[in-house]
Amino acid sequence: SFEEKTPSDMVLSLAATILKFVRQSAGYDRIVIHYYKKLNKYDQQQIMEMVSALQIDKPLYVVTISKSLDTDKVLMNGRNETRLPKSGTFFREGSGKYLLCQNQNRAGVIEKNIKTHPFPMRLETWHAGGKIISENEEMALLAQIVRYCQLNWTSVLPSSLPITVTYPAKLARMAANTRDGFRRIGESRLLEI
């Protein structure tokens, strides 16, 4: 919910959402939460305690996603004219930490038409139960992020960020600009139909 004010409120809201999902869903292999900010140790600890208390029998992963436009890290590829790495290329910075290039440099795009920046997004993965994530599972999480970047409701081109963070950000901006907040957005849209 966009109305949560404190980390504790956020964790309680997250717990309720996870429990609702577990009760209503069958056949899922894992739960993945995307955060569009780096979580501090306190927030991380609260989530880990919440997951432990919920006693979910499937793995729950958290992926923090942030733009790295303000960083000094730029990934380059000397093998092509644009110098951009292929979209979906990642660089491992450390345990569970990655730089992921998501741009227009992909098969079928003429190099001179590529107009995206070389700044990668910064990702950090962790298991909310405190377990070590296998390399195969980390690669599956990175591949999921790339697929979610290809979903773009405003263009046929892939986005530089996954839809799991861009769409909620758009909804939050819309809610902030309405007098009665987020609940009124759905009601007014229903009335327009």
C-alpha atoms as a PDB file:
ATOM      1  CA  SER A   1       0.000   0.000   0.000  1.00  0.00           C
ATOM      2  CA  PHE A   2       1.267   3.507  -0.776  1.00  0.00           C
ATOM      3  CA  GLU A   3      -0.089   4.825   2.512  1.00  0.00           C
ATOM      4  CA  GLU A   4       2.396   3.079   4.838  1.00  0.00           C
ATOM      5  CA  LYS A   5       4.474   5.618   6.744  1.00  0.00           C
ATOM      6  CA  THR A   6       7.102   3.690   8.731  1.00  0.00           C
ATOM      7  CA  PRO A   7       9.261   0.619   8.058  1.00  0.00           C
ATOM      8  CA  SER A   8       7.116  -1.308  10.571  1.00  0.00           C
ATOM      9  CA  ASP A   9       3.948  -0.355   8.676  1.00  0.00           C
ATOM     10  CA  MET A  10       5.596  -1.455   5.444  1.00  0.00           C
ATOM     11  CA  VAL A  11       6.575  -4.839   6.921  1.00  0.00           C
ATOM     12  CA  LEU A  12       3.069  -5.420   8.292  1.00  0.00           C
ATOM     13  CA  SER A  13       1.527  -4.527   4.930  1.00  0.00           C
ATOM     14  CA  LEU A  14       4.023  -6.797   3.170  1.00  0.00           C
ATOM     15  CA  ALA A  15       3.233  -9.666   5.563  1.00  0.00           C
ATOM     16  CA  ALA A  16      -0.509  -9.305   4.909  1.00  0.00           C
ATOM     17  CA  THR A  17       0.083  -9.263   1.140  1.00  0.00           C
ATOM     18  CA  ILE A  18       2.333 -12.342   1.279  1.00  0.00           C
ATOM     19  CA  LEU A  19      -0.180 -14.276   3.383  1.00  0.00           C
ATOM     20  CA  LYS A  20      -2.987 -13.342   0.982  1.00  0.00           C
ATOM     21  CA  PHE A  21      -0.878 -14.506  -1.970  1.00  0.00           C
ATOM     22  CA  VAL A  22       0.034 -17.812  -0.280  1.00  0.00           C
ATOM     23  CA  ARG A  23      -3.618 -18.510   0.588  1.00  0.00           C
ATOM     24  CA  GLN A  24      -4.920 -17.673  -2.900  1.00  0.00           C
ATOM     25  CA  SER A  25      -2.148 -19.199  -5.017  1.00  0.00           C
ATOM     26  CA  ALA A  26      -1.148 -22.752  -5.705  1.00  0.00           C
ATOM     27  CA  GLY A  27       1.798 -24.172  -7.555  1.00  0.00           C
ATOM     28  CA  TYR A  28       4.235 -21.314  -7.057  1.00  0.00           C
ATOM     29  CA  ASP A  29       7.938 -22.108  -6.629  1.00  0.00           C
ATOM     30  CA  ARG A  30       9.078 -18.949  -4.908  1.00  0.00           C
ATOM     31  CA  ILE A  31       8.105 -15.435  -3.932  1.00  0.00           C
ATOM     32  CA  VAL A  32      10.187 -12.554  -5.283  1.00  0.00           C
ATOM     33  CA  ILE A  33       9.883  -9.012  -3.975  1.00  0.00           C
ATOM     34  CA  HIS A  34      11.349  -6.110  -5.973  1.00  0.00           C
ATOM     35  CA  TYR A  35      12.325  -2.981  -4.052  1.00  0.00           C
ATOM     36  CA  TYR A  36      13.197   0.210  -5.847  1.00  0.00           C
ATOM     37  CA  LYS A  37      15.688   1.280  -3.245  1.00  0.00           C
ATOM     38  CA  LYS A  38      18.533  -0.229  -1.317  1.00  0.00           C
ATOM     39  CA  LEU A  39      17.270  -1.515   2.004  1.00  0.00           C
ATOM     40  CA  ASN A  40      19.243  -0.645   5.096  1.00  0.00           C
ATOM     41  CA  LYS A  41      20.195  -3.360   7.606  1.00  0.00           C
ATOM     42  CA  TYR A  42      17.280  -2.494   9.921  1.00  0.00           C
ATOM     43  CA  ASP A  43      14.673  -2.867   7.142  1.00  0.00           C
ATOM     44  CA  GLN A  44      16.343  -6.079   5.973  1.00  0.00           C
ATOM     45  CA  GLN A  45      16.284  -7.511   9.502  1.00  0.00           C
ATOM     46  CA  GLN A  46      12.600  -6.647   9.922  1.00  0.00           C
ATOM     47  CA  ILE A  47      11.734  -8.447   6.690  1.00  0.00           C
ATOM     48  CA  MET A  48      13.779 -11.497   7.683  1.00  0.00           C
ATOM     49  CA  GLU A  49      12.019 -11.650  11.074  1.00  0.00           C
ATOM     50  CA  MET A  50       8.624 -11.284   9.382  1.00  0.00           C
ATOM     51  CA  VAL A  51       9.369 -14.125   6.952  1.00  0.00           C
ATOM     52  CA  SER A  52      10.520 -16.319   9.814  1.00  0.00           C
ATOM     53  CA  ALA A  53       7.308 -15.596  11.742  1.00  0.00           C
ATOM     54  CA  LEU A  54       5.142 -16.378   8.674  1.00  0.00           C
ATOM     55  CA  GLN A  55       6.758 -19.822   8.286  1.00  0.00           C
ATOM     56  CA  ILE A  56       6.368 -19.924   4.516  1.00  0.00           C
ATOM     57  CA  ASP A  57       7.519 -23.237   3.071  1.00  0.00           C
ATOM     58  CA  LYS A  58       8.740 -21.717  -0.229  1.00  0.00           C
ATOM     59  CA  PRO A  59      11.807 -19.499  -0.696  1.00  0.00           C
ATOM     60  CA  LEU A  60      11.255 -15.742  -0.537  1.00  0.00           C
ATOM     61  CA  TYR A  61      13.806 -13.578  -2.346  1.00  0.00           C
ATOM     62  CA  VAL A  62      14.267  -9.847  -2.261  1.00  0.00           C
ATOM     63  CA  VAL A  63      15.840  -7.963  -5.166  1.00  0.00           C
ATOM     64  CA  THR A  64      16.699  -4.336  -4.577  1.00  0.00           C
ATOM     65  CA  ILE A  65      16.845  -2.322  -7.776  1.00  0.00           C
ATOM     66  CA  SER A  66      18.373   1.110  -8.141  1.00  0.00           C
ATOM     67  CA  LYS A  67      19.482   3.337 -10.962  1.00  0.00           C
ATOM     68  CA  SER A  68      23.180   3.964 -10.976  1.00  0.00           C
ATOM     69  CA  LEU A  69      23.061   7.247 -12.859  1.00  0.00           C
ATOM     70  CA  ASP A  70      24.908   8.925 -10.011  1.00  0.00           C
ATOM     71  CA  THR A  71      27.714   6.388  -9.925  1.00  0.00           C
ATOM     72  CA  ASP A  72      31.107   6.383 -11.513  1.00  0.00           C
ATOM     73  CA  LYS A  73      30.605   2.853 -12.872  1.00  0.00           C
ATOM     74  CA  VAL A  74      30.041   2.622 -16.592  1.00  0.00           C
ATOM     75  CA  LEU A  75      30.161  -0.667 -18.485  1.00  0.00           C
ATOM     76  CA  MET A  76      31.569  -0.518 -22.003  1.00  0.00           C
ATOM     77  CA  ASN A  77      31.933  -2.979 -24.871  1.00  0.00           C
ATOM     78  CA  GLY A  78      34.833  -2.255 -27.219  1.00  0.00           C
ATOM     79  CA  ARG A  79      33.499  -4.642 -29.874  1.00  0.00           C
ATOM     80  CA  ASN A  80      30.797  -2.402 -31.290  1.00  0.00           C
ATOM     81  CA  GLU A  81      30.329   1.174 -32.479  1.00  0.00           C
ATOM     82  CA  THR A  82      28.111   2.294 -29.602  1.00  0.00           C
ATOM     83  CA  ARG A  83      30.405   0.805 -26.933  1.00  0.00           C
ATOM     84  CA  LEU A  84      27.282  -0.379 -25.084  1.00  0.00           C
ATOM     85  CA  PRO A  85      27.214  -3.941 -23.763  1.00  0.00           C
ATOM     86  CA  LYS A  86      24.388  -6.091 -25.098  1.00  0.00           C
ATOM     87  CA  SER A  87      21.129  -5.608 -23.241  1.00  0.00           C
ATOM     88  CA  GLY A  88      20.872  -8.162 -20.445  1.00  0.00           C
ATOM     89  CA  THR A  89      24.629  -8.236 -19.806  1.00  0.00           C
ATOM     90  CA  PHE A  90      25.506  -8.249 -16.131  1.00  0.00           C
ATOM     91  CA  PHE A  91      28.660  -7.783 -14.092  1.00  0.00           C
ATOM     92  CA  ARG A  92      29.005  -9.352 -10.659  1.00  0.00           C
ATOM     93  CA  GLU A  93      30.261  -6.805  -8.123  1.00  0.00           C
ATOM     94  CA  GLY A  94      30.250  -9.139  -5.149  1.00  0.00           C
ATOM     95  CA  SER A  95      28.131 -11.675  -3.338  1.00  0.00           C
ATOM     96  CA  GLY A  96      24.556 -11.052  -4.508  1.00  0.00           C
ATOM     97  CA  LYS A  97      25.516  -7.673  -6.027  1.00  0.00           C
ATOM     98  CA  TYR A  98      25.249  -7.015  -9.755  1.00  0.00           C
ATOM     99  CA  LEU A  99      25.343  -4.301 -12.368  1.00  0.00           C
ATOM    100  CA  LEU A 100      22.841  -5.094 -15.126  1.00  0.00           C
ATOM    101  CA  CYS A 101      22.816  -3.383 -18.514  1.00  0.00           C
ATOM    102  CA  GLN A 102      19.343  -2.881 -19.895  1.00  0.00           C
ATOM    103  CA  ASN A 103      19.412  -0.838 -23.067  1.00  0.00           C
ATOM    104  CA  GLN A 104      18.494  -0.885 -26.762  1.00  0.00           C
ATOM    105  CA  ASN A 105      21.601  -2.810 -27.825  1.00  0.00           C
ATOM    106  CA  ARG A 106      19.953  -6.089 -28.754  1.00  0.00           C
ATOM    107  CA  ALA A 107      19.575  -8.338 -31.770  1.00  0.00           C
ATOM    108  CA  GLY A 108      17.871  -6.664 -34.707  1.00  0.00           C
ATOM    109  CA  VAL A 109      18.646  -3.053 -33.729  1.00  0.00           C
ATOM    110  CA  ILE A 110      20.952  -1.089 -36.016  1.00  0.00           C
ATOM    111  CA  GLU A 111      23.872   0.248 -33.967  1.00  0.00           C
ATOM    112  CA  LYS A 112      23.572   3.855 -35.153  1.00  0.00           C
ATOM    113  CA  ASN A 113      19.940   3.918 -33.902  1.00  0.00           C
ATOM    114  CA  ILE A 114      20.865   3.017 -30.312  1.00  0.00           C
ATOM    115  CA  LYS A 115      20.365   6.070 -28.099  1.00  0.00           C
ATOM    116  CA  THR A 116      20.590   4.758 -24.552  1.00  0.00           C
ATOM    117  CA  HIS A 117      23.092   5.436 -21.824  1.00  0.00           C
ATOM    118  CA  PRO A 118      25.818   3.058 -20.581  1.00  0.00           C
ATOM    119  CA  PHE A 119      24.830   3.322 -16.920  1.00  0.00           C
ATOM    120  CA  PRO A 120      23.719  -0.053 -15.586  1.00  0.00           C
ATOM    121  CA  MET A 121      21.110  -0.620 -12.928  1.00  0.00           C
ATOM    122  CA  ARG A 122      22.388  -1.839  -9.591  1.00  0.00           C
ATOM    123  CA  LEU A 123      20.838  -5.036  -8.217  1.00  0.00           C
ATOM    124  CA  GLU A 124      21.262  -6.805  -4.919  1.00  0.00           C
ATOM    125  CA  THR A 125      19.692 -10.198  -4.232  1.00  0.00           C
ATOM    126  CA  TRP A 126      19.155 -11.881  -0.898  1.00  0.00           C
ATOM    127  CA  HIS A 127      17.138 -14.708   0.576  1.00  0.00           C
ATOM    128  CA  ALA A 128      14.707 -13.406   3.175  1.00  0.00           C
ATOM    129  CA  GLY A 129      15.222 -16.553   5.252  1.00  0.00           C
ATOM    130  CA  GLY A 130      18.940 -15.815   5.535  1.00  0.00           C
ATOM    131  CA  LYS A 131      20.019 -18.720   3.315  1.00  0.00           C
ATOM    132  CA  ILE A 132      22.637 -18.501   0.582  1.00  0.00           C
ATOM    133  CA  ILE A 133      21.161 -18.159  -2.911  1.00  0.00           C
ATOM    134  CA  SER A 134      22.528 -20.645  -5.434  1.00  0.00           C
ATOM    135  CA  GLU A 135      24.136 -19.327  -8.602  1.00  0.00           C
ATOM    136  CA  ASN A 136      21.350 -20.871 -10.706  1.00  0.00           C
ATOM    137  CA  GLU A 137      18.699 -19.120  -8.626  1.00  0.00           C
ATOM    138  CA  GLU A 138      20.546 -15.785  -8.886  1.00  0.00           C
ATOM    139  CA  MET A 139      20.722 -16.170 -12.677  1.00  0.00           C
ATOM    140  CA  ALA A 140      16.967 -16.910 -12.735  1.00  0.00           C
ATOM    141  CA  LEU A 141      16.318 -13.730 -10.708  1.00  0.00           C
ATOM    142  CA  LEU A 142      18.474 -11.656 -13.105  1.00  0.00           C
ATOM    143  CA  ALA A 143      16.724 -13.180 -16.135  1.00  0.00           C
ATOM    144  CA  GLN A 144      13.367 -12.291 -14.550  1.00  0.00           C
ATOM    145  CA  ILE A 145      14.470  -8.659 -14.161  1.00  0.00           C
ATOM    146  CA  VAL A 146      15.491  -8.545 -17.842  1.00  0.00           C
ATOM    147  CA  ARG A 147      12.100  -9.965 -18.897  1.00  0.00           C
ATOM    148  CA  TYR A 148      10.274  -7.412 -16.740  1.00  0.00           C
ATOM    149  CA  CYS A 149      12.299  -4.631 -18.399  1.00  0.00           C
ATOM    150  CA  GLN A 150      10.962  -5.793 -21.759  1.00  0.00           C
ATOM    151  CA  LEU A 151       7.408  -5.090 -20.584  1.00  0.00           C
ATOM    152  CA  ASN A 152       6.766  -1.445 -21.302  1.00  0.00           C
ATOM    153  CA  TRP A 153       3.297   0.085 -21.468  1.00  0.00           C
ATOM    154  CA  THR A 154       4.491   3.381 -22.979  1.00  0.00           C
ATOM    155  CA  SER A 155       6.663   2.132 -25.852  1.00  0.00           C
ATOM    156  CA  VAL A 156       7.593  -0.894 -27.928  1.00  0.00           C
ATOM    157  CA  LEU A 157      11.177  -0.474 -26.718  1.00  0.00           C
ATOM    158  CA  PRO A 158      12.304  -2.113 -23.496  1.00  0.00           C
ATOM    159  CA  SER A 159      12.537   0.082 -20.431  1.00  0.00           C
ATOM    160  CA  SER A 160      15.761   0.695 -18.525  1.00  0.00           C
ATOM    161  CA  LEU A 161      13.974  -0.473 -15.345  1.00  0.00           C
ATOM    162  CA  PRO A 162      11.590  -3.388 -14.764  1.00  0.00           C
ATOM    163  CA  ILE A 163       7.855  -2.768 -14.906  1.00  0.00           C
ATOM    164  CA  THR A 164       7.620  -4.084 -11.336  1.00  0.00           C
ATOM    165  CA  VAL A 165       9.141  -0.806 -10.135  1.00  0.00           C
ATOM    166  CA  THR A 166       8.163   1.679 -12.872  1.00  0.00           C
ATOM    167  CA  TYR A 167       4.422   0.976 -12.837  1.00  0.00           C
ATOM    168  CA  PRO A 168       4.011   1.218  -9.033  1.00  0.00           C
ATOM    169  CA  ALA A 169       6.052   4.455  -9.144  1.00  0.00           C
ATOM    170  CA  LYS A 170       3.628   5.823 -11.742  1.00  0.00           C
ATOM    171  CA  LEU A 171       0.650   4.833  -9.582  1.00  0.00           C
ATOM    172  CA  ALA A 172       2.255   6.497  -6.560  1.00  0.00           C
ATOM    173  CA  ARG A 173       2.735   9.738  -8.525  1.00  0.00           C
ATOM    174  CA  MET A 174      -0.903   9.585  -9.636  1.00  0.00           C
ATOM    175  CA  ALA A 175      -2.072   9.008  -6.054  1.00  0.00           C
ATOM    176  CA  ALA A 176       0.007  11.925  -4.808  1.00  0.00           C
ATOM    177  CA  ASN A 177      -1.753  14.210  -7.289  1.00  0.00           C
ATOM    178  CA  THR A 178      -5.279  13.258  -6.296  1.00  0.00           C
ATOM    179  CA  ARG A 179      -7.168  14.880  -3.466  1.00  0.00           C
ATOM    180  CA  ASP A 180      -8.302  11.648  -1.809  1.00  0.00           C
ATOM    181  CA  GLY A 181      -5.238   9.549  -2.558  1.00  0.00           C
ATOM    182  CA  PHE A 182      -4.909   6.181  -4.183  1.00  0.00           C
ATOM    183  CA  ARG A 183      -8.381   4.772  -3.436  1.00  0.00           C
ATOM    184  CA  ARG A 184     -10.101   7.453  -5.522  1.00  0.00           C
ATOM    185  CA  ILE A 185      -8.054   6.668  -8.657  1.00  0.00           C
ATOM    186  CA  GLY A 186      -9.748   3.288  -9.143  1.00  0.00           C
ATOM    187  CA  GLU A 187     -13.205   4.685  -8.453  1.00  0.00           C
ATOM    188  CA  SER A 188     -12.826   7.538 -10.925  1.00  0.00           C
ATOM    189  CA  ARG A 189     -11.490   5.213 -13.618  1.00  0.00           C
ATOM    190  CA  LEU A 190     -14.432   2.864 -13.104  1.00  0.00           C
ATOM    191  CA  LEU A 191     -16.843   5.779 -13.469  1.00  0.00           C
ATOM    192  CA  GLU A 192     -15.227   6.760 -16.786  1.00  0.00           C
ATOM    193  CA  ILE A 193     -15.854   3.330 -18.339  1.00  0.00           C
END
